[in-house]
Amino acid sequence: MTENTASVRDARAHLAEHINQAEEGTPTVITRNGAPVAAVVPIADFEALEEAADVLLAREAEAVLADGEPTISMAELLADLFSERGEGAA
């Protein structure tokens, strides 16, 4: 698969062109100071990546449950996350 590279400035100036290329199957990697920071990719590629990530997370969760490791509920997780946010904001 061919890939384009564009600076943030170029990506802003030619966004429609990069979107058209993505629709045609060619991703564009966006760089800032020469380092990759984002990408404009075909939606099918993005959806495949999301699906693969979901499958990986599900497998990891199944492995934790199979090992009998301790788990917490979603309510406990959210309570912990929000209590950490409150402490950091003070």
PDB file of N, CA and C in Angstrom:
ATOM      1  N   MET A   1       0.846  -1.181   0.000  1.00  0.00           N
ATOM      2  CA  MET A   1       0.000   0.000   0.000  1.00  0.00           C
ATOM      3  C   MET A   1       0.889   1.241   0.000  1.00  0.00           C
ATOM      4  N   THR A   2       0.593   2.157  -0.876  1.00  0.00           N
ATOM      5  CA  THR A   2       1.318   3.411  -0.963  1.00  0.00           C
ATOM      6  C   THR A   2       0.819   4.348   0.126  1.00  0.00           C
ATOM      7  N   GLU A   3       1.708   5.186   0.609  1.00  0.00           N
ATOM      8  CA  GLU A   3       1.350   6.107   1.681  1.00  0.00           C
ATOM      9  C   GLU A   3       1.946   7.463   1.366  1.00  0.00           C
ATOM     10  N   ASN A   4       1.175   8.506   1.596  1.00  0.00           N
ATOM     11  CA  ASN A   4       1.655   9.877   1.443  1.00  0.00           C
ATOM     12  C   ASN A   4       2.052  10.412   2.807  1.00  0.00           C
ATOM     13  N   THR A   5       2.895  11.412   2.804  1.00  0.00           N
ATOM     14  CA  THR A   5       3.249  12.121   4.021  1.00  0.00           C
ATOM     15  C   THR A   5       3.027  13.600   3.774  1.00  0.00           C
ATOM     16  N   ALA A   6       2.473  14.279   4.773  1.00  0.00           N
ATOM     17  CA  ALA A   6       2.230  15.714   4.648  1.00  0.00           C
ATOM     18  C   ALA A   6       2.452  16.373   6.001  1.00  0.00           C
ATOM     19  N   SER A   7       2.987  17.577   5.969  1.00  0.00           N
ATOM     20  CA  SER A   7       3.118  18.338   7.208  1.00  0.00           C
ATOM     21  C   SER A   7       1.734  18.805   7.640  1.00  0.00           C
ATOM     22  N   VAL A   8       1.614  19.221   8.875  1.00  0.00           N
ATOM     23  CA  VAL A   8       0.341  19.743   9.362  1.00  0.00           C
ATOM     24  C   VAL A   8      -0.102  20.910   8.485  1.00  0.00           C
ATOM     25  N   ARG A   9       0.819  21.771   8.150  1.00  0.00           N
ATOM     26  CA  ARG A   9       0.487  22.932   7.316  1.00  0.00           C
ATOM     27  C   ARG A   9      -0.066  22.491   5.960  1.00  0.00           C
ATOM     28  N   ASP A  10       0.615  21.529   5.322  1.00  0.00           N
ATOM     29  CA  ASP A  10       0.158  21.024   4.030  1.00  0.00           C
ATOM     30  C   ASP A  10      -1.191  20.328   4.161  1.00  0.00           C
ATOM     31  N   ALA A  11      -1.360  19.561   5.226  1.00  0.00           N
ATOM     32  CA  ALA A  11      -2.623  18.846   5.426  1.00  0.00           C
ATOM     33  C   ALA A  11      -3.781  19.836   5.563  1.00  0.00           C
ATOM     34  N   ARG A  12      -3.552  20.929   6.263  1.00  0.00           N
ATOM     35  CA  ARG A  12      -4.597  21.954   6.398  1.00  0.00           C
ATOM     36  C   ARG A  12      -4.923  22.574   5.035  1.00  0.00           C
ATOM     37  N   ALA A  13      -3.890  22.865   4.286  1.00  0.00           N
ATOM     38  CA  ALA A  13      -4.078  23.540   3.003  1.00  0.00           C
ATOM     39  C   ALA A  13      -4.699  22.631   1.949  1.00  0.00           C
ATOM     40  N   HIS A  14      -4.492  21.332   2.083  1.00  0.00           N
ATOM     41  CA  HIS A  14      -4.956  20.390   1.055  1.00  0.00           C
ATOM     42  C   HIS A  14      -5.798  19.260   1.638  1.00  0.00           C
ATOM     43  N   LEU A  15      -6.578  19.566   2.658  1.00  0.00           N
ATOM     44  CA  LEU A  15      -7.348  18.523   3.339  1.00  0.00           C
ATOM     45  C   LEU A  15      -8.255  17.759   2.382  1.00  0.00           C
ATOM     46  N   ALA A  16      -8.963  18.463   1.515  1.00  0.00           N
ATOM     47  CA  ALA A  16      -9.875  17.788   0.579  1.00  0.00           C
ATOM     48  C   ALA A  16      -9.116  16.794  -0.292  1.00  0.00           C
ATOM     49  N   GLU A  17      -7.925  17.156  -0.729  1.00  0.00           N
ATOM     50  CA  GLU A  17      -7.119  16.245  -1.557  1.00  0.00           C
ATOM     51  C   GLU A  17      -6.726  14.999  -0.775  1.00  0.00           C
ATOM     52  N   HIS A  18      -6.334  15.173   0.491  1.00  0.00           N
ATOM     53  CA  HIS A  18      -5.947  14.019   1.311  1.00  0.00           C
ATOM     54  C   HIS A  18      -7.156  13.122   1.592  1.00  0.00           C
ATOM     55  N   ILE A  19      -8.324  13.725   1.759  1.00  0.00           N
ATOM     56  CA  ILE A  19      -9.542  12.939   1.951  1.00  0.00           C
ATOM     57  C   ILE A  19      -9.862  12.156   0.680  1.00  0.00           C
ATOM     58  N   ASN A  20      -9.748  12.801  -0.463  1.00  0.00           N
ATOM     59  CA  ASN A  20      -9.989  12.101  -1.740  1.00  0.00           C
ATOM     60  C   ASN A  20      -9.031  10.928  -1.905  1.00  0.00           C
ATOM     61  N   GLN A  21      -7.764  11.122  -1.545  1.00  0.00           N
ATOM     62  CA  GLN A  21      -6.791  10.034  -1.650  1.00  0.00           C
ATOM     63  C   GLN A  21      -7.159   8.890  -0.704  1.00  0.00           C
ATOM     64  N   ALA A  22      -7.625   9.231   0.490  1.00  0.00           N
ATOM     65  CA  ALA A  22      -8.043   8.191   1.438  1.00  0.00           C
ATOM     66  C   ALA A  22      -9.228   7.409   0.870  1.00  0.00           C
ATOM     67  N   GLU A  23     -10.162   8.115   0.251  1.00  0.00           N
ATOM     68  CA  GLU A  23     -11.296   7.427  -0.369  1.00  0.00           C
ATOM     69  C   GLU A  23     -10.839   6.462  -1.453  1.00  0.00           C
ATOM     70  N   GLU A  24      -9.733   6.786  -2.111  1.00  0.00           N
ATOM     71  CA  GLU A  24      -9.184   5.934  -3.168  1.00  0.00           C
ATOM     72  C   GLU A  24      -8.287   4.834  -2.604  1.00  0.00           C
ATOM     73  N   GLY A  25      -8.096   4.812  -1.280  1.00  0.00           N
ATOM     74  CA  GLY A  25      -7.319   3.752  -0.644  1.00  0.00           C
ATOM     75  C   GLY A  25      -5.914   4.127  -0.231  1.00  0.00           C
ATOM     76  N   THR A  26      -5.531   5.398  -0.384  1.00  0.00           N
ATOM     77  CA  THR A  26      -4.173   5.815  -0.043  1.00  0.00           C
ATOM     78  C   THR A  26      -4.178   6.672   1.221  1.00  0.00           C
ATOM     79  N   PRO A  27      -3.583   6.181   2.304  1.00  0.00           N
ATOM     80  CA  PRO A  27      -3.529   6.980   3.537  1.00  0.00           C
ATOM     81  C   PRO A  27      -2.494   8.098   3.442  1.00  0.00           C
ATOM     82  N   THR A  28      -2.663   9.100   4.255  1.00  0.00           N
ATOM     83  CA  THR A  28      -1.691  10.183   4.382  1.00  0.00           C
ATOM     84  C   THR A  28      -1.290  10.294   5.846  1.00  0.00           C
ATOM     85  N   VAL A  29      -0.004  10.191   6.108  1.00  0.00           N
ATOM     86  CA  VAL A  29       0.519  10.379   7.460  1.00  0.00           C
ATOM     87  C   VAL A  29       0.826  11.865   7.627  1.00  0.00           C
ATOM     88  N   ILE A  30       0.304  12.447   8.688  1.00  0.00           N
ATOM     89  CA  ILE A  30       0.509  13.865   8.976  1.00  0.00           C
ATOM     90  C   ILE A  30       1.675  13.983   9.951  1.00  0.00           C
ATOM     91  N   THR A  31       2.612  14.864   9.629  1.00  0.00           N
ATOM     92  CA  THR A  31       3.788  15.036  10.475  1.00  0.00           C
ATOM     93  C   THR A  31       3.846  16.443  11.066  1.00  0.00           C
ATOM     94  N   ARG A  32       4.474  16.532  12.230  1.00  0.00           N
ATOM     95  CA  ARG A  32       4.769  17.820  12.852  1.00  0.00           C
ATOM     96  C   ARG A  32       6.254  17.781  13.201  1.00  0.00           C
ATOM     97  N   ASN A  33       6.978  18.726  12.671  1.00  0.00           N
ATOM     98  CA  ASN A  33       8.433  18.763  12.864  1.00  0.00           C
ATOM     99  C   ASN A  33       9.072  17.446  12.445  1.00  0.00           C
ATOM    100  N   GLY A  34       8.532  16.850  11.382  1.00  0.00           N
ATOM    101  CA  GLY A  34       9.100  15.619  10.834  1.00  0.00           C
ATOM    102  C   GLY A  34       8.660  14.332  11.512  1.00  0.00           C
ATOM    103  N   ALA A  35       7.934  14.444  12.614  1.00  0.00           N
ATOM    104  CA  ALA A  35       7.501  13.245  13.345  1.00  0.00           C
ATOM    105  C   ALA A  35       6.028  12.954  13.046  1.00  0.00           C
ATOM    106  N   PRO A  36       5.678  11.705  12.772  1.00  0.00           N
ATOM    107  CA  PRO A  36       4.280  11.356  12.506  1.00  0.00           C
ATOM    108  C   PRO A  36       3.415  11.618  13.744  1.00  0.00           C
ATOM    109  N   VAL A  37       2.263  12.282  13.535  1.00  0.00           N
ATOM    110  CA  VAL A  37       1.364  12.584  14.656  1.00  0.00           C
ATOM    111  C   VAL A  37      -0.081  12.160  14.407  1.00  0.00           C
ATOM    112  N   ALA A  38      -0.461  11.932  13.155  1.00  0.00           N
ATOM    113  CA  ALA A  38      -1.841  11.576  12.827  1.00  0.00           C
ATOM    114  C   ALA A  38      -1.868  10.972  11.432  1.00  0.00           C
ATOM    115  N   ALA A  39      -3.058  10.519  11.032  1.00  0.00           N
ATOM    116  CA  ALA A  39      -3.198   9.959   9.692  1.00  0.00           C
ATOM    117  C   ALA A  39      -4.620  10.169   9.187  1.00  0.00           C
ATOM    118  N   VAL A  40      -4.726  10.364   7.890  1.00  0.00           N
ATOM    119  CA  VAL A  40      -6.013  10.365   7.198  1.00  0.00           C
ATOM    120  C   VAL A  40      -6.035   9.045   6.443  1.00  0.00           C
ATOM    121  N   VAL A  41      -6.943   8.156   6.864  1.00  0.00           N
ATOM    122  CA  VAL A  41      -6.958   6.805   6.307  1.00  0.00           C
ATOM    123  C   VAL A  41      -8.324   6.476   5.725  1.00  0.00           C
ATOM    124  N   PRO A  42      -8.370   5.517   4.820  1.00  0.00           N
ATOM    125  CA  PRO A  42      -9.671   5.062   4.332  1.00  0.00           C
ATOM    126  C   PRO A  42     -10.524   4.576   5.504  1.00  0.00           C
ATOM    127  N   ILE A  43     -11.811   4.868   5.468  1.00  0.00           N
ATOM    128  CA  ILE A  43     -12.695   4.498   6.579  1.00  0.00           C
ATOM    129  C   ILE A  43     -12.687   2.991   6.812  1.00  0.00           C
ATOM    130  N   ALA A  44     -12.557   2.200   5.766  1.00  0.00           N
ATOM    131  CA  ALA A  44     -12.513   0.737   5.932  1.00  0.00           C
ATOM    132  C   ALA A  44     -11.308   0.327   6.771  1.00  0.00           C
ATOM    133  N   ASP A  45     -10.166   0.987   6.569  1.00  0.00           N
ATOM    134  CA  ASP A  45      -8.974   0.694   7.369  1.00  0.00           C
ATOM    135  C   ASP A  45      -9.199   1.062   8.830  1.00  0.00           C
ATOM    136  N   PHE A  46      -9.811   2.226   9.052  1.00  0.00           N
ATOM    137  CA  PHE A  46     -10.091   2.683  10.409  1.00  0.00           C
ATOM    138  C   PHE A  46     -11.033   1.716  11.116  1.00  0.00           C
ATOM    139  N   GLU A  47     -12.095   1.305  10.422  1.00  0.00           N
ATOM    140  CA  GLU A  47     -13.051   0.373  11.012  1.00  0.00           C
ATOM    141  C   GLU A  47     -12.403  -0.973  11.308  1.00  0.00           C
ATOM    142  N   ALA A  48     -11.536  -1.435  10.423  1.00  0.00           N
ATOM    143  CA  ALA A  48     -10.830  -2.703  10.653  1.00  0.00           C
ATOM    144  C   ALA A  48      -9.925  -2.595  11.870  1.00  0.00           C
ATOM    145  N   LEU A  49      -9.264  -1.464  12.029  1.00  0.00           N
ATOM    146  CA  LEU A  49      -8.401  -1.253  13.191  1.00  0.00           C
ATOM    147  C   LEU A  49      -9.215  -1.249  14.480  1.00  0.00           C
ATOM    148  N   GLU A  50     -10.353  -0.554  14.473  1.00  0.00           N
ATOM    149  CA  GLU A  50     -11.219  -0.545  15.653  1.00  0.00           C
ATOM    150  C   GLU A  50     -11.697  -1.949  15.995  1.00  0.00           C
ATOM    151  N   GLU A  51     -12.097  -2.713  14.979  1.00  0.00           N
ATOM    152  CA  GLU A  51     -12.569  -4.071  15.210  1.00  0.00           C
ATOM    153  C   GLU A  51     -11.454  -4.947  15.778  1.00  0.00           C
ATOM    154  N   ALA A  52     -10.258  -4.817  15.229  1.00  0.00           N
ATOM    155  CA  ALA A  52      -9.118  -5.602  15.721  1.00  0.00           C
ATOM    156  C   ALA A  52      -8.805  -5.246  17.174  1.00  0.00           C
ATOM    157  N   ALA A  53      -8.882  -3.966  17.505  1.00  0.00           N
ATOM    158  CA  ALA A  53      -8.633  -3.538  18.884  1.00  0.00           C
ATOM    159  C   ALA A  53      -9.691  -4.114  19.818  1.00  0.00           C
ATOM    160  N   ASP A  54     -10.954  -4.120  19.389  1.00  0.00           N
ATOM    161  CA  ASP A  54     -12.026  -4.701  20.203  1.00  0.00           C
ATOM    162  C   ASP A  54     -11.792  -6.182  20.443  1.00  0.00           C
ATOM    163  N   VAL A  55     -11.392  -6.908  19.406  1.00  0.00           N
ATOM    164  CA  VAL A  55     -11.122  -8.340  19.528  1.00  0.00           C
ATOM    165  C   VAL A  55      -9.966  -8.580  20.498  1.00  0.00           C
ATOM    166  N   LEU A  56      -8.904  -7.787  20.366  1.00  0.00           N
ATOM    167  CA  LEU A  56      -7.752  -7.932  21.253  1.00  0.00           C
ATOM    168  C   LEU A  56      -8.140  -7.675  22.706  1.00  0.00           C
ATOM    169  N   LEU A  57      -8.893  -6.612  22.946  1.00  0.00           N
ATOM    170  CA  LEU A  57      -9.317  -6.308  24.317  1.00  0.00           C
ATOM    171  C   LEU A  57     -10.214  -7.408  24.871  1.00  0.00           C
ATOM    172  N   ALA A  58     -11.095  -7.952  24.044  1.00  0.00           N
ATOM    173  CA  ALA A  58     -11.966  -9.036  24.497  1.00  0.00           C
ATOM    174  C   ALA A  58     -11.145 -10.273  24.854  1.00  0.00           C
ATOM    175  N   ARG A  59     -10.138 -10.579  24.049  1.00  0.00           N
ATOM    176  CA  ARG A  59      -9.275 -11.735  24.349  1.00  0.00           C
ATOM    177  C   ARG A  59      -8.514 -11.524  25.648  1.00  0.00           C
ATOM    178  N   GLU A  60      -8.015 -10.319  25.849  1.00  0.00           N
ATOM    179  CA  GLU A  60      -7.296 -10.020  27.093  1.00  0.00           C
ATOM    180  C   GLU A  60      -8.221 -10.146  28.294  1.00  0.00           C
ATOM    181  N   ALA A  61      -9.452  -9.668  28.162  1.00  0.00           N
ATOM    182  CA  ALA A  61     -10.422  -9.773  29.256  1.00  0.00           C
ATOM    183  C   ALA A  61     -10.747 -11.234  29.544  1.00  0.00           C
ATOM    184  N   GLU A  62     -10.929 -12.026  28.492  1.00  0.00           N
ATOM    185  CA  GLU A  62     -11.208 -13.455  28.675  1.00  0.00           C
ATOM    186  C   GLU A  62     -10.043 -14.147  29.372  1.00  0.00           C
ATOM    187  N   ALA A  63      -8.820 -13.755  29.048  1.00  0.00           N
ATOM    188  CA  ALA A  63      -7.645 -14.362  29.679  1.00  0.00           C
ATOM    189  C   ALA A  63      -7.598 -14.023  31.167  1.00  0.00           C
ATOM    190  N   VAL A  64      -7.922 -12.784  31.513  1.00  0.00           N
ATOM    191  CA  VAL A  64      -7.933 -12.380  32.924  1.00  0.00           C
ATOM    192  C   VAL A  64      -8.979 -13.181  33.688  1.00  0.00           C
ATOM    193  N   LEU A  65     -10.175 -13.298  33.093  1.00  0.00           N
ATOM    194  CA  LEU A  65     -11.230 -14.058  33.756  1.00  0.00           C
ATOM    195  C   LEU A  65     -10.857 -15.535  33.882  1.00  0.00           C
ATOM    196  N   ALA A  66     -10.231 -16.100  32.860  1.00  0.00           N
ATOM    197  CA  ALA A  66      -9.831 -17.514  32.889  1.00  0.00           C
ATOM    198  C   ALA A  66      -8.773 -17.776  33.950  1.00  0.00           C
ATOM    199  N   ASP A  67      -7.903 -16.786  34.187  1.00  0.00           N
ATOM    200  CA  ASP A  67      -6.853 -16.944  35.188  1.00  0.00           C
ATOM    201  C   ASP A  67      -7.372 -16.760  36.606  1.00  0.00           C
ATOM    202  N   GLY A  68      -8.624 -16.321  36.732  1.00  0.00           N
ATOM    203  CA  GLY A  68      -9.196 -16.125  38.055  1.00  0.00           C
ATOM    204  C   GLY A  68      -8.658 -14.901  38.766  1.00  0.00           C
ATOM    205  N   GLU A  69      -8.068 -13.985  37.999  1.00  0.00           N
ATOM    206  CA  GLU A  69      -7.543 -12.764  38.613  1.00  0.00           C
ATOM    207  C   GLU A  69      -8.692 -11.904  39.121  1.00  0.00           C
ATOM    208  N   PRO A  70      -8.438 -11.097  40.154  1.00  0.00           N
ATOM    209  CA  PRO A  70      -9.509 -10.264  40.698  1.00  0.00           C
ATOM    210  C   PRO A  70     -10.008  -9.254  39.669  1.00  0.00           C
ATOM    211  N   THR A  71     -11.293  -8.978  39.712  1.00  0.00           N
ATOM    212  CA  THR A  71     -11.901  -8.009  38.803  1.00  0.00           C
ATOM    213  C   THR A  71     -12.643  -6.954  39.610  1.00  0.00           C
ATOM    214  N   ILE A  72     -12.984  -5.861  38.939  1.00  0.00           N
ATOM    215  CA  ILE A  72     -13.808  -4.838  39.578  1.00  0.00           C
ATOM    216  C   ILE A  72     -14.983  -4.531  38.660  1.00  0.00           C
ATOM    217  N   SER A  73     -16.017  -3.964  39.242  1.00  0.00           N
ATOM    218  CA  SER A  73     -17.188  -3.625  38.434  1.00  0.00           C
ATOM    219  C   SER A  73     -16.944  -2.313  37.697  1.00  0.00           C
ATOM    220  N   MET A  74     -17.766  -2.039  36.697  1.00  0.00           N
ATOM    221  CA  MET A  74     -17.671  -0.782  35.960  1.00  0.00           C
ATOM    222  C   MET A  74     -17.920   0.393  36.906  1.00  0.00           C
ATOM    223  N   ALA A  75     -18.850   0.231  37.846  1.00  0.00           N
ATOM    224  CA  ALA A  75     -19.137   1.303  38.807  1.00  0.00           C
ATOM    225  C   ALA A  75     -17.900   1.622  39.645  1.00  0.00           C
ATOM    226  N   GLU A  76     -17.172   0.590  40.067  1.00  0.00           N
ATOM    227  CA  GLU A  76     -15.944   0.812  40.846  1.00  0.00           C
ATOM    228  C   GLU A  76     -14.881   1.505  39.998  1.00  0.00           C
ATOM    229  N   LEU A  77     -14.761   1.081  38.755  1.00  0.00           N
ATOM    230  CA  LEU A  77     -13.785   1.689  37.859  1.00  0.00           C
ATOM    231  C   LEU A  77     -14.092   3.164  37.645  1.00  0.00           C
ATOM    232  N   LEU A  78     -15.352   3.481  37.354  1.00  0.00           N
ATOM    233  CA  LEU A  78     -15.729   4.883  37.138  1.00  0.00           C
ATOM    234  C   LEU A  78     -15.540   5.712  38.399  1.00  0.00           C
ATOM    235  N   ALA A  79     -15.889   5.145  39.548  1.00  0.00           N
ATOM    236  CA  ALA A  79     -15.697   5.873  40.810  1.00  0.00           C
ATOM    237  C   ALA A  79     -14.220   6.193  41.016  1.00  0.00           C
ATOM    238  N   ASP A  80     -13.343   5.232  40.741  1.00  0.00           N
ATOM    239  CA  ASP A  80     -11.902   5.467  40.869  1.00  0.00           C
ATOM    240  C   ASP A  80     -11.427   6.535  39.896  1.00  0.00           C
ATOM    241  N   LEU A  81     -11.885   6.464  38.653  1.00  0.00           N
ATOM    242  CA  LEU A  81     -11.467   7.449  37.655  1.00  0.00           C
ATOM    243  C   LEU A  81     -11.892   8.854  38.035  1.00  0.00           C
ATOM    244  N   PHE A  82     -13.142   9.008  38.475  1.00  0.00           N
ATOM    245  CA  PHE A  82     -13.629  10.340  38.814  1.00  0.00           C
ATOM    246  C   PHE A  82     -13.005  10.863  40.106  1.00  0.00           C
ATOM    247  N   SER A  83     -12.692   9.987  41.035  1.00  0.00           N
ATOM    248  CA  SER A  83     -12.042  10.457  42.259  1.00  0.00           C
ATOM    249  C   SER A  83     -10.615  10.918  41.955  1.00  0.00           C
ATOM    250  N   GLU A  84      -9.923  10.258  41.015  1.00  0.00           N
ATOM    251  CA  GLU A  84      -8.584  10.681  40.606  1.00  0.00           C
ATOM    252  C   GLU A  84      -8.638  12.030  39.901  1.00  0.00           C
ATOM    253  N   ARG A  85      -9.640  12.252  39.067  1.00  0.00           N
ATOM    254  CA  ARG A  85      -9.794  13.538  38.373  1.00  0.00           C
ATOM    255  C   ARG A  85     -10.010  14.655  39.368  1.00  0.00           C
ATOM    256  N   GLY A  86     -10.836  14.395  40.363  1.00  0.00           N
ATOM    257  CA  GLY A  86     -11.121  15.417  41.370  1.00  0.00           C
ATOM    258  C   GLY A  86      -9.885  15.790  42.164  1.00  0.00           C
ATOM    259  N   GLU A  87      -9.029  14.801  42.454  1.00  0.00           N
ATOM    260  CA  GLU A  87      -7.798  15.070  43.197  1.00  0.00           C
ATOM    261  C   GLU A  87      -6.820  15.876  42.371  1.00  0.00           C
ATOM    262  N   GLY A  88      -6.725  15.565  41.070  1.00  0.00           N
ATOM    263  CA  GLY A  88      -5.791  16.274  40.193  1.00  0.00           C
ATOM    264  C   GLY A  88      -6.205  17.699  39.914  1.00  0.00           C
ATOM    265  N   ALA A  89      -7.502  17.974  39.956  1.00  0.00           N
ATOM    266  CA  ALA A  89      -8.010  19.316  39.632  1.00  0.00           C
ATOM    267  C   ALA A  89      -7.861  20.266  40.803  1.00  0.00           C
ATOM    268  N   ALA A  90      -7.683  19.755  41.995  1.00  0.00           N
ATOM    269  CA  ALA A  90      -7.611  20.609  43.190  1.00  0.00           C
ATOM    270  C   ALA A  90      -6.310  21.333  43.303  1.00  0.00           C
TER     271      ALA A  90
END
